[in-house]
Amino acid sequence: MHATRAEGGSGKLSHGALAAAILAGLIALGCLVWGVFRLGAFEPDWLLRLRHSLAEAGFRASATWAEFSDWIRLGQ
């Protein structure tokens, strides 16, 4: 018994499958670069500042949301 291909198939990847493969490759490449930088203990100053500013923004957003939910709950 030999396996045969389905009739009508062109054997080419669809545009969606190609886009998914390219995206997966870019993510894998980004993870590889990140891993190499982490192993080498390379952290640029702008990355440290970005991490701090995002943490601060998250803290402020959560405090604002808590204040708003208290305001709604109390019916003010």
C-alpha atoms as a PDB file:
ATOM      1  CA  MET A   1       0.000   0.000   0.000  1.00  0.00           C
ATOM      2  CA  HIS A   2       1.269   3.399  -0.935  1.00  0.00           C
ATOM      3  CA  ALA A   3       0.067   6.625   0.609  1.00  0.00           C
ATOM      4  CA  THR A   4      -1.230   9.003  -2.006  1.00  0.00           C
ATOM      5  CA  ARG A   5      -1.848  12.693  -1.844  1.00  0.00           C
ATOM      6  CA  ALA A   6      -5.362  14.039  -1.835  1.00  0.00           C
ATOM      7  CA  GLU A   7      -6.500  15.149  -5.241  1.00  0.00           C
ATOM      8  CA  GLY A   8      -6.621  18.875  -5.867  1.00  0.00           C
ATOM      9  CA  GLY A   9      -3.942  19.864  -3.356  1.00  0.00           C
ATOM     10  CA  SER A  10      -1.211  22.086  -4.684  1.00  0.00           C
ATOM     11  CA  GLY A  11       1.260  21.323  -1.894  1.00  0.00           C
ATOM     12  CA  LYS A  12       1.813  25.015  -1.186  1.00  0.00           C
ATOM     13  CA  LEU A  13       1.367  26.705   2.173  1.00  0.00           C
ATOM     14  CA  SER A  14      -1.541  29.060   2.574  1.00  0.00           C
ATOM     15  CA  HIS A  15      -0.902  32.715   3.366  1.00  0.00           C
ATOM     16  CA  GLY A  16      -2.112  32.243   6.936  1.00  0.00           C
ATOM     17  CA  ALA A  17       0.203  29.278   7.533  1.00  0.00           C
ATOM     18  CA  LEU A  18       3.122  31.191   6.062  1.00  0.00           C
ATOM     19  CA  ALA A  19       2.386  34.233   8.242  1.00  0.00           C
ATOM     20  CA  ALA A  20       2.135  31.995  11.330  1.00  0.00           C
ATOM     21  CA  ALA A  21       5.462  30.332  10.486  1.00  0.00           C
ATOM     22  CA  ILE A  22       7.167  33.713  10.018  1.00  0.00           C
ATOM     23  CA  LEU A  23       5.710  35.010  13.289  1.00  0.00           C
ATOM     24  CA  ALA A  24       6.845  31.877  15.142  1.00  0.00           C
ATOM     25  CA  GLY A  25      10.329  32.289  13.678  1.00  0.00           C
ATOM     26  CA  LEU A  26      10.513  35.932  14.772  1.00  0.00           C
ATOM     27  CA  ILE A  27       9.357  35.033  18.280  1.00  0.00           C
ATOM     28  CA  ALA A  28      11.947  32.251  18.468  1.00  0.00           C
ATOM     29  CA  LEU A  29      14.660  34.628  17.265  1.00  0.00           C
ATOM     30  CA  GLY A  30      13.622  37.223  19.842  1.00  0.00           C
ATOM     31  CA  CYS A  31      13.727  34.602  22.605  1.00  0.00           C
ATOM     32  CA  LEU A  32      17.180  33.512  21.465  1.00  0.00           C
ATOM     33  CA  VAL A  33      18.504  37.089  21.499  1.00  0.00           C
ATOM     34  CA  TRP A  34      16.917  37.696  24.907  1.00  0.00           C
ATOM     35  CA  GLY A  35      18.477  34.486  26.266  1.00  0.00           C
ATOM     36  CA  VAL A  36      21.944  35.413  25.006  1.00  0.00           C
ATOM     37  CA  PHE A  37      21.672  38.873  26.579  1.00  0.00           C
ATOM     38  CA  ARG A  38      20.463  37.404  29.882  1.00  0.00           C
ATOM     39  CA  LEU A  39      23.297  34.856  29.971  1.00  0.00           C
ATOM     40  CA  GLY A  40      25.792  37.623  29.299  1.00  0.00           C
ATOM     41  CA  ALA A  41      24.199  39.826  32.002  1.00  0.00           C
ATOM     42  CA  PHE A  42      23.756  42.597  29.448  1.00  0.00           C
ATOM     43  CA  GLU A  43      21.052  45.023  30.507  1.00  0.00           C
ATOM     44  CA  PRO A  44      21.150  48.446  28.882  1.00  0.00           C
ATOM     45  CA  ASP A  45      20.159  51.454  30.963  1.00  0.00           C
ATOM     46  CA  TRP A  46      17.111  52.168  28.820  1.00  0.00           C
ATOM     47  CA  LEU A  47      15.769  48.668  29.546  1.00  0.00           C
ATOM     48  CA  LEU A  48      16.074  49.199  33.298  1.00  0.00           C
ATOM     49  CA  ARG A  49      14.322  52.580  33.012  1.00  0.00           C
ATOM     50  CA  LEU A  50      11.584  51.058  30.854  1.00  0.00           C
ATOM     51  CA  ARG A  51      11.002  48.247  33.350  1.00  0.00           C
ATOM     52  CA  HIS A  52      10.775  50.738  36.209  1.00  0.00           C
ATOM     53  CA  SER A  53       8.404  53.065  34.358  1.00  0.00           C
ATOM     54  CA  LEU A  54       6.098  50.181  33.368  1.00  0.00           C
ATOM     55  CA  ALA A  55       6.002  48.956  36.963  1.00  0.00           C
ATOM     56  CA  GLU A  56       5.180  52.475  38.153  1.00  0.00           C
ATOM     57  CA  ALA A  57       2.441  52.821  35.540  1.00  0.00           C
ATOM     58  CA  GLY A  58       0.951  49.494  36.609  1.00  0.00           C
ATOM     59  CA  PHE A  59       0.987  50.558  40.251  1.00  0.00           C
ATOM     60  CA  ARG A  60      -0.719  53.865  39.462  1.00  0.00           C
ATOM     61  CA  ALA A  61      -3.310  52.218  37.200  1.00  0.00           C
ATOM     62  CA  SER A  62      -4.221  49.657  39.860  1.00  0.00           C
ATOM     63  CA  ALA A  63      -4.537  52.395  42.491  1.00  0.00           C
ATOM     64  CA  THR A  64      -6.760  54.433  40.173  1.00  0.00           C
ATOM     65  CA  TRP A  65      -8.941  51.400  39.460  1.00  0.00           C
ATOM     66  CA  ALA A  66      -9.254  50.644  43.179  1.00  0.00           C
ATOM     67  CA  GLU A  67     -10.277  54.242  43.872  1.00  0.00           C
ATOM     68  CA  PHE A  68     -12.837  54.146  41.049  1.00  0.00           C
ATOM     69  CA  SER A  69     -14.328  50.846  42.208  1.00  0.00           C
ATOM     70  CA  ASP A  70     -14.658  52.227  45.753  1.00  0.00           C
ATOM     71  CA  TRP A  71     -16.383  55.309  44.345  1.00  0.00           C
ATOM     72  CA  ILE A  72     -18.841  53.141  42.350  1.00  0.00           C
ATOM     73  CA  ARG A  73     -19.502  50.799  45.276  1.00  0.00           C
ATOM     74  CA  LEU A  74     -20.250  53.665  47.650  1.00  0.00           C
ATOM     75  CA  GLY A  75     -22.506  55.342  45.072  1.00  0.00           C
ATOM     76  CA  GLN A  76     -20.867  58.734  45.288  1.00  0.00           C
END
